[in-house]
Amino acid sequence: MLEFTLKGEFIPLIQLLKITDLVSSGGEAQMVVTDGLVSYNGVIDYRKRLKVKKGDVIEFNGQTIKII
């Protein structure tokens, strides 16, 4: 499990996927979200502009990211 320390109120999901190196580009991040490959707090989420906040858990490609 990866832990990501949030420094503001939120981070867009696409940006989080790029920062944590789970995808190589913003375009790839948008594709995996659109294809339903990303789980937000245990539920598949298709929102590319999703605001991820402290306490949220993101899952993608066998990796889990906990936002702290």
PDB file of N, CA and C in Angstrom:
ATOM      1  N   MET A   1       0.843  -1.187   0.000  1.00  0.00           N
ATOM      2  CA  MET A   1       0.000   0.000   0.000  1.00  0.00           C
ATOM      3  C   MET A   1       0.882   1.243   0.000  1.00  0.00           C
ATOM      4  N   LEU A   2       0.523   2.171  -0.867  1.00  0.00           N
ATOM      5  CA  LEU A   2       1.209   3.460  -0.904  1.00  0.00           C
ATOM      6  C   LEU A   2       0.446   4.431  -0.011  1.00  0.00           C
ATOM      7  N   GLU A   3       1.170   5.308   0.640  1.00  0.00           N
ATOM      8  CA  GLU A   3       0.529   6.385   1.395  1.00  0.00           C
ATOM      9  C   GLU A   3       0.921   7.700   0.740  1.00  0.00           C
ATOM     10  N   PHE A   4      -0.067   8.530   0.468  1.00  0.00           N
ATOM     11  CA  PHE A   4       0.171   9.820  -0.160  1.00  0.00           C
ATOM     12  C   PHE A   4      -0.262  10.896   0.819  1.00  0.00           C
ATOM     13  N   THR A   5       0.675  11.773   1.178  1.00  0.00           N
ATOM     14  CA  THR A   5       0.379  12.860   2.105  1.00  0.00           C
ATOM     15  C   THR A   5      -0.162  14.054   1.323  1.00  0.00           C
ATOM     16  N   LEU A   6      -1.394  14.390   1.587  1.00  0.00           N
ATOM     17  CA  LEU A   6      -2.062  15.495   0.921  1.00  0.00           C
ATOM     18  C   LEU A   6      -1.642  16.806   1.566  1.00  0.00           C
ATOM     19  N   LYS A   7      -1.254  17.768   0.739  1.00  0.00           N
ATOM     20  CA  LYS A   7      -0.787  19.047   1.280  1.00  0.00           C
ATOM     21  C   LYS A   7      -1.820  20.157   1.156  1.00  0.00           C
ATOM     22  N   GLY A   8      -2.929  19.869   0.515  1.00  0.00           N
ATOM     23  CA  GLY A   8      -4.001  20.853   0.395  1.00  0.00           C
ATOM     24  C   GLY A   8      -5.307  20.203   0.784  1.00  0.00           C
ATOM     25  N   GLU A   9      -6.401  20.786   0.318  1.00  0.00           N
ATOM     26  CA  GLU A   9      -7.721  20.256   0.633  1.00  0.00           C
ATOM     27  C   GLU A   9      -8.032  18.993  -0.175  1.00  0.00           C
ATOM     28  N   PHE A  10      -7.558  18.949  -1.435  1.00  0.00           N
ATOM     29  CA  PHE A  10      -7.821  17.798  -2.298  1.00  0.00           C
ATOM     30  C   PHE A  10      -6.771  17.741  -3.408  1.00  0.00           C
ATOM     31  N   ILE A  11      -6.774  16.613  -4.150  1.00  0.00           N
ATOM     32  CA  ILE A  11      -5.958  16.457  -5.348  1.00  0.00           C
ATOM     33  C   ILE A  11      -6.837  15.778  -6.389  1.00  0.00           C
ATOM     34  N   PRO A  12      -6.823  16.258  -7.641  1.00  0.00           N
ATOM     35  CA  PRO A  12      -7.596  15.583  -8.677  1.00  0.00           C
ATOM     36  C   PRO A  12      -7.082  14.150  -8.890  1.00  0.00           C
ATOM     37  N   LEU A  13      -7.998  13.231  -9.118  1.00  0.00           N
ATOM     38  CA  LEU A  13      -7.642  11.830  -9.292  1.00  0.00           C
ATOM     39  C   LEU A  13      -6.596  11.635 -10.387  1.00  0.00           C
ATOM     40  N   ILE A  14      -6.760  12.297 -11.514  1.00  0.00           N
ATOM     41  CA  ILE A  14      -5.816  12.159 -12.635  1.00  0.00           C
ATOM     42  C   ILE A  14      -4.409  12.547 -12.190  1.00  0.00           C
ATOM     43  N   GLN A  15      -4.293  13.644 -11.477  1.00  0.00           N
ATOM     44  CA  GLN A  15      -2.993  14.110 -10.990  1.00  0.00           C
ATOM     45  C   GLN A  15      -2.394  13.122  -9.991  1.00  0.00           C
ATOM     46  N   LEU A  16      -3.229  12.563  -9.116  1.00  0.00           N
ATOM     47  CA  LEU A  16      -2.752  11.588  -8.139  1.00  0.00           C
ATOM     48  C   LEU A  16      -2.160  10.359  -8.825  1.00  0.00           C
ATOM     49  N   LEU A  17      -2.819   9.866  -9.850  1.00  0.00           N
ATOM     50  CA  LEU A  17      -2.313   8.702 -10.576  1.00  0.00           C
ATOM     51  C   LEU A  17      -0.955   8.993 -11.224  1.00  0.00           C
ATOM     52  N   LYS A  18      -0.778  10.216 -11.726  1.00  0.00           N
ATOM     53  CA  LYS A  18       0.509  10.594 -12.331  1.00  0.00           C
ATOM     54  C   LYS A  18       1.597  10.757 -11.276  1.00  0.00           C
ATOM     55  N   ILE A  19       1.309  11.461 -10.193  1.00  0.00           N
ATOM     56  CA  ILE A  19       2.298  11.727  -9.149  1.00  0.00           C
ATOM     57  C   ILE A  19       2.816  10.441  -8.517  1.00  0.00           C
ATOM     58  N   THR A  20       1.937   9.464  -8.370  1.00  0.00           N
ATOM     59  CA  THR A  20       2.331   8.202  -7.740  1.00  0.00           C
ATOM     60  C   THR A  20       2.936   7.218  -8.741  1.00  0.00           C
ATOM     61  N   ASP A  21       3.147   7.667  -9.979  1.00  0.00           N
ATOM     62  CA  ASP A  21       3.760   6.863 -11.051  1.00  0.00           C
ATOM     63  C   ASP A  21       2.989   5.599 -11.393  1.00  0.00           C
ATOM     64  N   LEU A  22       1.686   5.603 -11.174  1.00  0.00           N
ATOM     65  CA  LEU A  22       0.871   4.466 -11.575  1.00  0.00           C
ATOM     66  C   LEU A  22       0.519   4.536 -13.057  1.00  0.00           C
ATOM     67  N   VAL A  23       0.622   5.727 -13.633  1.00  0.00           N
ATOM     68  CA  VAL A  23       0.466   5.927 -15.077  1.00  0.00           C
ATOM     69  C   VAL A  23       1.584   6.856 -15.535  1.00  0.00           C
ATOM     70  N   SER A  24       1.835   6.850 -16.831  1.00  0.00           N
ATOM     71  CA  SER A  24       2.950   7.661 -17.334  1.00  0.00           C
ATOM     72  C   SER A  24       2.528   9.035 -17.845  1.00  0.00           C
ATOM     73  N   SER A  25       1.214   9.241 -18.056  1.00  0.00           N
ATOM     74  CA  SER A  25       0.770  10.532 -18.570  1.00  0.00           C
ATOM     75  C   SER A  25      -0.663  10.823 -18.140  1.00  0.00           C
ATOM     76  N   GLY A  26      -1.050  12.063 -18.306  1.00  0.00           N
ATOM     77  CA  GLY A  26      -2.418  12.447 -17.995  1.00  0.00           C
ATOM     78  C   GLY A  26      -3.420  11.770 -18.904  1.00  0.00           C
ATOM     79  N   GLY A  27      -3.039  11.596 -20.163  1.00  0.00           N
ATOM     80  CA  GLY A  27      -3.908  10.906 -21.114  1.00  0.00           C
ATOM     81  C   GLY A  27      -4.156   9.467 -20.707  1.00  0.00           C
ATOM     82  N   GLU A  28      -3.099   8.797 -20.272  1.00  0.00           N
ATOM     83  CA  GLU A  28      -3.243   7.419 -19.813  1.00  0.00           C
ATOM     84  C   GLU A  28      -4.128   7.370 -18.564  1.00  0.00           C
ATOM     85  N   ALA A  29      -3.950   8.334 -17.656  1.00  0.00           N
ATOM     86  CA  ALA A  29      -4.760   8.391 -16.442  1.00  0.00           C
ATOM     87  C   ALA A  29      -6.234   8.546 -16.795  1.00  0.00           C
ATOM     88  N   GLN A  30      -6.544   9.412 -17.744  1.00  0.00           N
ATOM     89  CA  GLN A  30      -7.936   9.607 -18.161  1.00  0.00           C
ATOM     90  C   GLN A  30      -8.508   8.328 -18.760  1.00  0.00           C
ATOM     91  N   MET A  31      -7.708   7.614 -19.525  1.00  0.00           N
ATOM     92  CA  MET A  31      -8.176   6.366 -20.143  1.00  0.00           C
ATOM     93  C   MET A  31      -8.499   5.303 -19.099  1.00  0.00           C
ATOM     94  N   VAL A  32      -7.629   5.120 -18.099  1.00  0.00           N
ATOM     95  CA  VAL A  32      -7.881   4.069 -17.109  1.00  0.00           C
ATOM     96  C   VAL A  32      -9.098   4.394 -16.257  1.00  0.00           C
ATOM     97  N   VAL A  33      -9.341   5.680 -16.002  1.00  0.00           N
ATOM     98  CA  VAL A  33     -10.532   6.081 -15.253  1.00  0.00           C
ATOM     99  C   VAL A  33     -11.780   5.832 -16.109  1.00  0.00           C
ATOM    100  N   THR A  34     -11.753   6.269 -17.365  1.00  0.00           N
ATOM    101  CA  THR A  34     -12.877   6.084 -18.282  1.00  0.00           C
ATOM    102  C   THR A  34     -13.197   4.608 -18.504  1.00  0.00           C
ATOM    103  N   ASP A  35     -12.171   3.773 -18.502  1.00  0.00           N
ATOM    104  CA  ASP A  35     -12.352   2.327 -18.706  1.00  0.00           C
ATOM    105  C   ASP A  35     -12.820   1.598 -17.441  1.00  0.00           C
ATOM    106  N   GLY A  36     -12.978   2.321 -16.331  1.00  0.00           N
ATOM    107  CA  GLY A  36     -13.482   1.713 -15.109  1.00  0.00           C
ATOM    108  C   GLY A  36     -12.460   0.871 -14.376  1.00  0.00           C
ATOM    109  N   LEU A  37     -11.189   1.233 -14.495  1.00  0.00           N
ATOM    110  CA  LEU A  37     -10.121   0.463 -13.864  1.00  0.00           C
ATOM    111  C   LEU A  37      -9.687   1.014 -12.514  1.00  0.00           C
ATOM    112  N   VAL A  38     -10.306   2.116 -12.086  1.00  0.00           N
ATOM    113  CA  VAL A  38      -9.920   2.766 -10.832  1.00  0.00           C
ATOM    114  C   VAL A  38     -11.073   2.678  -9.835  1.00  0.00           C
ATOM    115  N   SER A  39     -10.724   2.284  -8.620  1.00  0.00           N
ATOM    116  CA  SER A  39     -11.706   2.175  -7.545  1.00  0.00           C
ATOM    117  C   SER A  39     -11.472   3.304  -6.538  1.00  0.00           C
ATOM    118  N   TYR A  40     -12.562   3.960  -6.136  1.00  0.00           N
ATOM    119  CA  TYR A  40     -12.525   5.058  -5.169  1.00  0.00           C
ATOM    120  C   TYR A  40     -13.328   4.627  -3.947  1.00  0.00           C
ATOM    121  N   ASN A  41     -12.635   4.431  -2.821  1.00  0.00           N
ATOM    122  CA  ASN A  41     -13.274   3.967  -1.591  1.00  0.00           C
ATOM    123  C   ASN A  41     -14.095   2.694  -1.816  1.00  0.00           C
ATOM    124  N   GLY A  42     -13.525   1.781  -2.602  1.00  0.00           N
ATOM    125  CA  GLY A  42     -14.139   0.476  -2.814  1.00  0.00           C
ATOM    126  C   GLY A  42     -15.153   0.379  -3.938  1.00  0.00           C
ATOM    127  N   VAL A  43     -15.388   1.480  -4.649  1.00  0.00           N
ATOM    128  CA  VAL A  43     -16.381   1.499  -5.725  1.00  0.00           C
ATOM    129  C   VAL A  43     -15.718   1.997  -7.008  1.00  0.00           C
ATOM    130  N   ILE A  44     -15.992   1.328  -8.137  1.00  0.00           N
ATOM    131  CA  ILE A  44     -15.470   1.800  -9.423  1.00  0.00           C
ATOM    132  C   ILE A  44     -16.013   3.201  -9.672  1.00  0.00           C
ATOM    133  N   ASP A  45     -15.140   4.122 -10.061  1.00  0.00           N
ATOM    134  CA  ASP A  45     -15.546   5.507 -10.280  1.00  0.00           C
ATOM    135  C   ASP A  45     -15.033   5.980 -11.633  1.00  0.00           C
ATOM    136  N   TYR A  46     -15.902   6.589 -12.412  1.00  0.00           N
ATOM    137  CA  TYR A  46     -15.568   7.021 -13.769  1.00  0.00           C
ATOM    138  C   TYR A  46     -15.314   8.522 -13.876  1.00  0.00           C
ATOM    139  N   ARG A  47     -15.313   9.236 -12.747  1.00  0.00           N
ATOM    140  CA  ARG A  47     -15.150  10.698 -12.776  1.00  0.00           C
ATOM    141  C   ARG A  47     -13.680  11.080 -12.911  1.00  0.00           C
ATOM    142  N   LYS A  48     -13.343  11.715 -14.017  1.00  0.00           N
ATOM    143  CA  LYS A  48     -11.959  12.138 -14.245  1.00  0.00           C
ATOM    144  C   LYS A  48     -11.577  13.335 -13.376  1.00  0.00           C
ATOM    145  N   ARG A  49     -12.557  14.122 -12.996  1.00  0.00           N
ATOM    146  CA  ARG A  49     -12.283  15.318 -12.184  1.00  0.00           C
ATOM    147  C   ARG A  49     -12.560  15.092 -10.706  1.00  0.00           C
ATOM    148  N   LEU A  50     -12.586  13.845 -10.305  1.00  0.00           N
ATOM    149  CA  LEU A  50     -12.842  13.497  -8.912  1.00  0.00           C
ATOM    150  C   LEU A  50     -11.823  14.162  -7.990  1.00  0.00           C
ATOM    151  N   LYS A  51     -12.294  14.768  -6.919  1.00  0.00           N
ATOM    152  CA  LYS A  51     -11.429  15.407  -5.930  1.00  0.00           C
ATOM    153  C   LYS A  51     -11.158  14.414  -4.809  1.00  0.00           C
ATOM    154  N   VAL A  52      -9.935  13.944  -4.718  1.00  0.00           N
ATOM    155  CA  VAL A  52      -9.543  12.968  -3.713  1.00  0.00           C
ATOM    156  C   VAL A  52      -9.107  13.727  -2.459  1.00  0.00           C
ATOM    157  N   LYS A  53      -9.635  13.300  -1.303  1.00  0.00           N
ATOM    158  CA  LYS A  53      -9.371  14.004  -0.050  1.00  0.00           C
ATOM    159  C   LYS A  53      -8.776  13.059   0.985  1.00  0.00           C
ATOM    160  N   LYS A  54      -8.334  13.617   2.112  1.00  0.00           N
ATOM    161  CA  LYS A  54      -7.762  12.809   3.197  1.00  0.00           C
ATOM    162  C   LYS A  54      -8.745  11.732   3.631  1.00  0.00           C
ATOM    163  N   GLY A  55      -8.209  10.542   3.864  1.00  0.00           N
ATOM    164  CA  GLY A  55      -9.028   9.416   4.284  1.00  0.00           C
ATOM    165  C   GLY A  55      -9.517   8.549   3.140  1.00  0.00           C
ATOM    166  N   ASP A  56      -9.428   9.048   1.904  1.00  0.00           N
ATOM    167  CA  ASP A  56      -9.869   8.271   0.750  1.00  0.00           C
ATOM    168  C   ASP A  56      -8.860   7.176   0.415  1.00  0.00           C
ATOM    169  N   VAL A  57      -9.350   6.134  -0.241  1.00  0.00           N
ATOM    170  CA  VAL A  57      -8.506   5.030  -0.682  1.00  0.00           C
ATOM    171  C   VAL A  57      -8.769   4.798  -2.167  1.00  0.00           C
ATOM    172  N   ILE A  58      -7.702   4.814  -2.949  1.00  0.00           N
ATOM    173  CA  ILE A  58      -7.769   4.602  -4.392  1.00  0.00           C
ATOM    174  C   ILE A  58      -7.095   3.277  -4.709  1.00  0.00           C
ATOM    175  N   GLU A  59      -7.706   2.492  -5.585  1.00  0.00           N
ATOM    176  CA  GLU A  59      -7.110   1.233  -6.015  1.00  0.00           C
ATOM    177  C   GLU A  59      -7.024   1.217  -7.531  1.00  0.00           C
ATOM    178  N   PHE A  60      -5.865   0.809  -8.027  1.00  0.00           N
ATOM    179  CA  PHE A  60      -5.665   0.692  -9.471  1.00  0.00           C
ATOM    180  C   PHE A  60      -4.532  -0.281  -9.752  1.00  0.00           C
ATOM    181  N   ASN A  61      -4.765  -1.196 -10.656  1.00  0.00           N
ATOM    182  CA  ASN A  61      -3.727  -2.103 -11.142  1.00  0.00           C
ATOM    183  C   ASN A  61      -3.010  -2.851 -10.014  1.00  0.00           C
ATOM    184  N   GLY A  62      -3.772  -3.301  -9.034  1.00  0.00           N
ATOM    185  CA  GLY A  62      -3.199  -4.042  -7.923  1.00  0.00           C
ATOM    186  C   GLY A  62      -2.519  -3.200  -6.858  1.00  0.00           C
ATOM    187  N   GLN A  63      -2.550  -1.897  -7.025  1.00  0.00           N
ATOM    188  CA  GLN A  63      -1.947  -0.973  -6.053  1.00  0.00           C
ATOM    189  C   GLN A  63      -3.054  -0.237  -5.288  1.00  0.00           C
ATOM    190  N   THR A  64      -2.794   0.002  -4.024  1.00  0.00           N
ATOM    191  CA  THR A  64      -3.716   0.764  -3.182  1.00  0.00           C
ATOM    192  C   THR A  64      -3.012   2.022  -2.702  1.00  0.00           C
ATOM    193  N   ILE A  65      -3.691   3.144  -2.819  1.00  0.00           N
ATOM    194  CA  ILE A  65      -3.154   4.426  -2.350  1.00  0.00           C
ATOM    195  C   ILE A  65      -4.057   4.929  -1.239  1.00  0.00           C
ATOM    196  N   LYS A  66      -3.499   5.135  -0.060  1.00  0.00           N
ATOM    197  CA  LYS A  66      -4.257   5.712   1.054  1.00  0.00           C
ATOM    198  C   LYS A  66      -3.851   7.175   1.170  1.00  0.00           C
ATOM    199  N   ILE A  67      -4.830   8.051   1.210  1.00  0.00           N
ATOM    200  CA  ILE A  67      -4.567   9.494   1.301  1.00  0.00           C
ATOM    201  C   ILE A  67      -4.537   9.876   2.780  1.00  0.00           C
ATOM    202  N   ILE A  68      -3.399  10.436   3.206  1.00  0.00           N
ATOM    203  CA  ILE A  68      -3.252  10.826   4.600  1.00  0.00           C
ATOM    204  C   ILE A  68      -2.999  12.318   4.716  1.00  0.00           C
TER     205      ILE A  68
END
